[in-house]
């Protein structure tokens, strides 16, 4: 079974995008737009103190008619960040994301941030695994040698 760490390592860009708590919502949204991502971690030094997502923006800025240029991320971020350890399986990550309606999961070990996986990363992994299995079954049915996994 594929682990969260293996998914992290397979990502073409493993950079973790983060902002500090005192950054404005505007700065966070601008960064998310530049990086083409849906969420940023909110960090104080090496500590993850929250996550700010497009969902937070829609619900806590737009709908509450707040000004993004004068509102700090710390006021609207989600402070209770769920995370996984690097040994958790893709299936466990997917279950956690589905049950809690999450799109992003930091991967942490011993309080240290290793990276972040998204629902898109997991879907790509699952599709890749399914394509591999289909190819192996086609080879088996056709009577060709099967390539070991």
C-alpha atoms as a PDB file:
ATOM      1  CA  UNK A   1       0.000   0.000   0.000  1.00  0.00           C
ATOM      2  CA  UNK A   2       1.229   3.446  -0.904  1.00  0.00           C
ATOM      3  CA  UNK A   3       1.991   5.779   2.007  1.00  0.00           C
ATOM      4  CA  UNK A   4       1.561   9.506   2.455  1.00  0.00           C
ATOM      5  CA  UNK A   5       5.349   9.884   2.255  1.00  0.00           C
ATOM      6  CA  UNK A   6       5.489   8.074  -1.091  1.00  0.00           C
ATOM      7  CA  UNK A   7       2.761  10.343  -2.436  1.00  0.00           C
ATOM      8  CA  UNK A   8       4.706  13.382  -1.213  1.00  0.00           C
ATOM      9  CA  UNK A   9       7.872  12.160  -2.915  1.00  0.00           C
ATOM     10  CA  UNK A  10       6.016  11.572  -6.194  1.00  0.00           C
ATOM     11  CA  UNK A  11       4.818  15.167  -6.405  1.00  0.00           C
ATOM     12  CA  UNK A  12       6.695  17.203  -9.031  1.00  0.00           C
ATOM     13  CA  UNK A  13       6.714  20.225  -6.718  1.00  0.00           C
ATOM     14  CA  UNK A  14       7.129  19.397  -3.040  1.00  0.00           C
ATOM     15  CA  UNK A  15       7.339  22.999  -1.878  1.00  0.00           C
ATOM     16  CA  UNK A  16       5.027  23.815   1.029  1.00  0.00           C
ATOM     17  CA  UNK A  17       3.405  27.196   0.633  1.00  0.00           C
ATOM     18  CA  UNK A  18       2.763  29.007   3.914  1.00  0.00           C
ATOM     19  CA  UNK A  19       2.033  32.432   5.327  1.00  0.00           C
ATOM     20  CA  UNK A  20       2.572  33.903   8.750  1.00  0.00           C
ATOM     21  CA  UNK A  21      -0.451  34.569  10.994  1.00  0.00           C
ATOM     22  CA  UNK A  22      -0.114  38.350  10.670  1.00  0.00           C
ATOM     23  CA  UNK A  23      -0.288  38.227   6.839  1.00  0.00           C
ATOM     24  CA  UNK A  24      -3.419  39.734   5.375  1.00  0.00           C
ATOM     25  CA  UNK A  25      -6.040  37.622   3.678  1.00  0.00           C
ATOM     26  CA  UNK A  26      -5.296  39.542   0.484  1.00  0.00           C
ATOM     27  CA  UNK A  27      -1.626  38.482   0.647  1.00  0.00           C
ATOM     28  CA  UNK A  28      -2.619  34.854   1.212  1.00  0.00           C
ATOM     29  CA  UNK A  29      -5.119  34.838  -1.665  1.00  0.00           C
ATOM     30  CA  UNK A  30      -2.602  36.521  -3.971  1.00  0.00           C
ATOM     31  CA  UNK A  31      -0.009  33.855  -3.103  1.00  0.00           C
ATOM     32  CA  UNK A  32      -2.536  31.065  -3.634  1.00  0.00           C
ATOM     33  CA  UNK A  33      -3.370  32.516  -7.039  1.00  0.00           C
ATOM     34  CA  UNK A  34       0.315  32.815  -8.023  1.00  0.00           C
ATOM     35  CA  UNK A  35       0.993  29.204  -6.991  1.00  0.00           C
ATOM     36  CA  UNK A  36      -2.327  27.889  -8.362  1.00  0.00           C
ATOM     37  CA  UNK A  37      -3.256  26.226  -5.064  1.00  0.00           C
ATOM     38  CA  UNK A  38      -6.399  26.103  -2.947  1.00  0.00           C
ATOM     39  CA  UNK A  39      -4.916  26.478   0.535  1.00  0.00           C
ATOM     40  CA  UNK A  40      -1.883  27.695   2.451  1.00  0.00           C
ATOM     41  CA  UNK A  41      -0.595  26.626   5.803  1.00  0.00           C
ATOM     42  CA  UNK A  42      -0.352  29.311   8.470  1.00  0.00           C
ATOM     43  CA  UNK A  43       2.936  28.934  10.307  1.00  0.00           C
ATOM     44  CA  UNK A  44       4.813  30.588  13.135  1.00  0.00           C
ATOM     45  CA  UNK A  45       8.399  29.536  12.596  1.00  0.00           C
ATOM     46  CA  UNK A  46       8.290  25.758  12.142  1.00  0.00           C
ATOM     47  CA  UNK A  47       4.931  25.355  13.910  1.00  0.00           C
ATOM     48  CA  UNK A  48       1.704  24.876  11.958  1.00  0.00           C
ATOM     49  CA  UNK A  49      -0.902  27.090  13.655  1.00  0.00           C
ATOM     50  CA  UNK A  50      -3.657  26.899  11.047  1.00  0.00           C
ATOM     51  CA  UNK A  51      -4.673  26.485   7.450  1.00  0.00           C
ATOM     52  CA  UNK A  52      -6.357  29.038   5.215  1.00  0.00           C
ATOM     53  CA  UNK A  53      -8.337  27.857   2.211  1.00  0.00           C
ATOM     54  CA  UNK A  54     -10.575  29.149  -0.539  1.00  0.00           C
ATOM     55  CA  UNK A  55     -13.475  27.853   1.552  1.00  0.00           C
ATOM     56  CA  UNK A  56     -12.357  30.046   4.487  1.00  0.00           C
ATOM     57  CA  UNK A  57     -12.195  33.023   2.140  1.00  0.00           C
ATOM     58  CA  UNK A  58     -15.691  32.457   0.789  1.00  0.00           C
ATOM     59  CA  UNK A  59     -17.295  31.873   4.165  1.00  0.00           C
ATOM     60  CA  UNK A  60     -15.376  34.207   6.449  1.00  0.00           C
ATOM     61  CA  UNK A  61     -14.481  37.123   4.179  1.00  0.00           C
ATOM     62  CA  UNK A  62     -16.931  37.347   1.294  1.00  0.00           C
ATOM     63  CA  UNK A  63     -20.105  36.269   3.106  1.00  0.00           C
ATOM     64  CA  UNK A  64     -19.264  38.284   6.225  1.00  0.00           C
ATOM     65  CA  UNK A  65     -18.359  41.319   4.103  1.00  0.00           C
ATOM     66  CA  UNK A  66     -14.892  41.681   5.583  1.00  0.00           C
ATOM     67  CA  UNK A  67     -12.063  43.491   3.810  1.00  0.00           C
ATOM     68  CA  UNK A  68      -9.347  41.103   2.665  1.00  0.00           C
ATOM     69  CA  UNK A  69      -6.671  43.822   2.627  1.00  0.00           C
ATOM     70  CA  UNK A  70      -7.152  44.655   6.306  1.00  0.00           C
ATOM     71  CA  UNK A  71      -8.110  41.287   7.797  1.00  0.00           C
ATOM     72  CA  UNK A  72      -5.355  39.087   9.200  1.00  0.00           C
ATOM     73  CA  UNK A  73      -5.237  35.445   8.188  1.00  0.00           C
ATOM     74  CA  UNK A  74      -5.119  34.538  11.895  1.00  0.00           C
ATOM     75  CA  UNK A  75      -8.680  35.869  12.274  1.00  0.00           C
ATOM     76  CA  UNK A  76     -10.214  33.651   9.588  1.00  0.00           C
ATOM     77  CA  UNK A  77      -7.958  30.596   9.299  1.00  0.00           C
ATOM     78  CA  UNK A  78      -9.036  27.144  10.441  1.00  0.00           C
ATOM     79  CA  UNK A  79      -6.937  26.676  13.596  1.00  0.00           C
ATOM     80  CA  UNK A  80      -7.536  22.951  14.154  1.00  0.00           C
ATOM     81  CA  UNK A  81      -5.422  21.390  11.428  1.00  0.00           C
ATOM     82  CA  UNK A  82      -5.805  17.660  10.858  1.00  0.00           C
ATOM     83  CA  UNK A  83      -2.657  15.949   9.662  1.00  0.00           C
ATOM     84  CA  UNK A  84      -1.336  12.497   8.867  1.00  0.00           C
ATOM     85  CA  UNK A  85       1.945  10.783   9.573  1.00  0.00           C
ATOM     86  CA  UNK A  86       4.154   9.659   6.685  1.00  0.00           C
ATOM     87  CA  UNK A  87       3.336   5.971   7.170  1.00  0.00           C
ATOM     88  CA  UNK A  88      -0.422   6.326   6.786  1.00  0.00           C
ATOM     89  CA  UNK A  89      -1.780   4.772   3.621  1.00  0.00           C
ATOM     90  CA  UNK A  90      -3.379   6.608   0.728  1.00  0.00           C
ATOM     91  CA  UNK A  91      -6.631   4.862   1.643  1.00  0.00           C
ATOM     92  CA  UNK A  92      -6.439   6.150   5.234  1.00  0.00           C
ATOM     93  CA  UNK A  93      -5.729   9.671   3.965  1.00  0.00           C
ATOM     94  CA  UNK A  94      -8.659   9.502   1.550  1.00  0.00           C
ATOM     95  CA  UNK A  95     -10.991   8.246   4.303  1.00  0.00           C
ATOM     96  CA  UNK A  96      -9.909  11.060   6.645  1.00  0.00           C
ATOM     97  CA  UNK A  97     -10.403  13.670   3.935  1.00  0.00           C
ATOM     98  CA  UNK A  98     -13.806  12.294   2.963  1.00  0.00           C
ATOM     99  CA  UNK A  99     -15.107  11.966   6.526  1.00  0.00           C
ATOM    100  CA  UNK A 100     -13.975  15.470   7.489  1.00  0.00           C
ATOM    101  CA  UNK A 101     -14.617  17.194   4.152  1.00  0.00           C
ATOM    102  CA  UNK A 102     -10.977  18.218   3.768  1.00  0.00           C
ATOM    103  CA  UNK A 103      -9.054  18.940   0.595  1.00  0.00           C
ATOM    104  CA  UNK A 104      -5.557  19.317   2.075  1.00  0.00           C
ATOM    105  CA  UNK A 105      -3.625  17.312   4.656  1.00  0.00           C
ATOM    106  CA  UNK A 106      -0.233  18.226   6.083  1.00  0.00           C
ATOM    107  CA  UNK A 107       2.107  15.273   6.557  1.00  0.00           C
ATOM    108  CA  UNK A 108       3.935  15.565   9.876  1.00  0.00           C
ATOM    109  CA  UNK A 109       6.323  13.461  11.882  1.00  0.00           C
ATOM    110  CA  UNK A 110       7.442  14.269  15.397  1.00  0.00           C
ATOM    111  CA  UNK A 111       6.002  17.769  15.113  1.00  0.00           C
ATOM    112  CA  UNK A 112       7.992  18.430  11.927  1.00  0.00           C
ATOM    113  CA  UNK A 113       6.183  19.332   8.702  1.00  0.00           C
ATOM    114  CA  UNK A 114       7.236  17.108   5.811  1.00  0.00           C
ATOM    115  CA  UNK A 115       4.805  18.427   3.207  1.00  0.00           C
ATOM    116  CA  UNK A 116       1.172  18.619   2.240  1.00  0.00           C
ATOM    117  CA  UNK A 117      -0.974  16.331   0.110  1.00  0.00           C
ATOM    118  CA  UNK A 118      -4.198  17.322  -1.578  1.00  0.00           C
ATOM    119  CA  UNK A 119      -7.250  15.395  -2.635  1.00  0.00           C
ATOM    120  CA  UNK A 120      -5.948  15.817  -6.196  1.00  0.00           C
ATOM    121  CA  UNK A 121      -2.686  14.089  -5.267  1.00  0.00           C
ATOM    122  CA  UNK A 122      -4.649  11.147  -3.867  1.00  0.00           C
ATOM    123  CA  UNK A 123      -6.952  10.914  -6.882  1.00  0.00           C
ATOM    124  CA  UNK A 124      -3.930  10.885  -9.238  1.00  0.00           C
ATOM    125  CA  UNK A 125      -2.398   8.090  -7.176  1.00  0.00           C
ATOM    126  CA  UNK A 126      -5.587   6.006  -7.191  1.00  0.00           C
ATOM    127  CA  UNK A 127      -6.038   6.437 -10.960  1.00  0.00           C
ATOM    128  CA  UNK A 128      -2.407   5.438 -11.536  1.00  0.00           C
ATOM    129  CA  UNK A 129      -2.827   2.316  -9.389  1.00  0.00           C
ATOM    130  CA  UNK A 130      -6.013   1.372 -11.217  1.00  0.00           C
ATOM    131  CA  UNK A 131      -4.387   1.839 -14.631  1.00  0.00           C
ATOM    132  CA  UNK A 132      -1.484  -0.384 -13.560  1.00  0.00           C
ATOM    133  CA  UNK A 133      -3.878  -3.069 -12.329  1.00  0.00           C
ATOM    134  CA  UNK A 134      -5.883  -2.939 -15.582  1.00  0.00           C
ATOM    135  CA  UNK A 135      -2.687  -3.327 -17.636  1.00  0.00           C
ATOM    136  CA  UNK A 136      -1.588  -6.289 -15.533  1.00  0.00           C
ATOM    137  CA  UNK A 137      -4.996  -7.957 -15.908  1.00  0.00           C
ATOM    138  CA  UNK A 138      -4.964  -7.369 -19.681  1.00  0.00           C
ATOM    139  CA  UNK A 139      -1.520  -9.014 -19.902  1.00  0.00           C
ATOM    140  CA  UNK A 140      -2.730 -11.925 -17.798  1.00  0.00           C
ATOM    141  CA  UNK A 141      -5.856 -12.442 -19.894  1.00  0.00           C
ATOM    142  CA  UNK A 142      -3.874 -12.204 -23.145  1.00  0.00           C
ATOM    143  CA  UNK A 143      -1.402 -14.786 -21.836  1.00  0.00           C
ATOM    144  CA  UNK A 144       1.579 -12.403 -21.743  1.00  0.00           C
ATOM    145  CA  UNK A 145       4.022 -12.395 -18.857  1.00  0.00           C
ATOM    146  CA  UNK A 146       2.989 -10.110 -16.011  1.00  0.00           C
ATOM    147  CA  UNK A 147       5.445  -7.438 -14.896  1.00  0.00           C
ATOM    148  CA  UNK A 148       6.087  -7.614 -11.140  1.00  0.00           C
ATOM    149  CA  UNK A 149       4.776  -4.633  -9.132  1.00  0.00           C
END
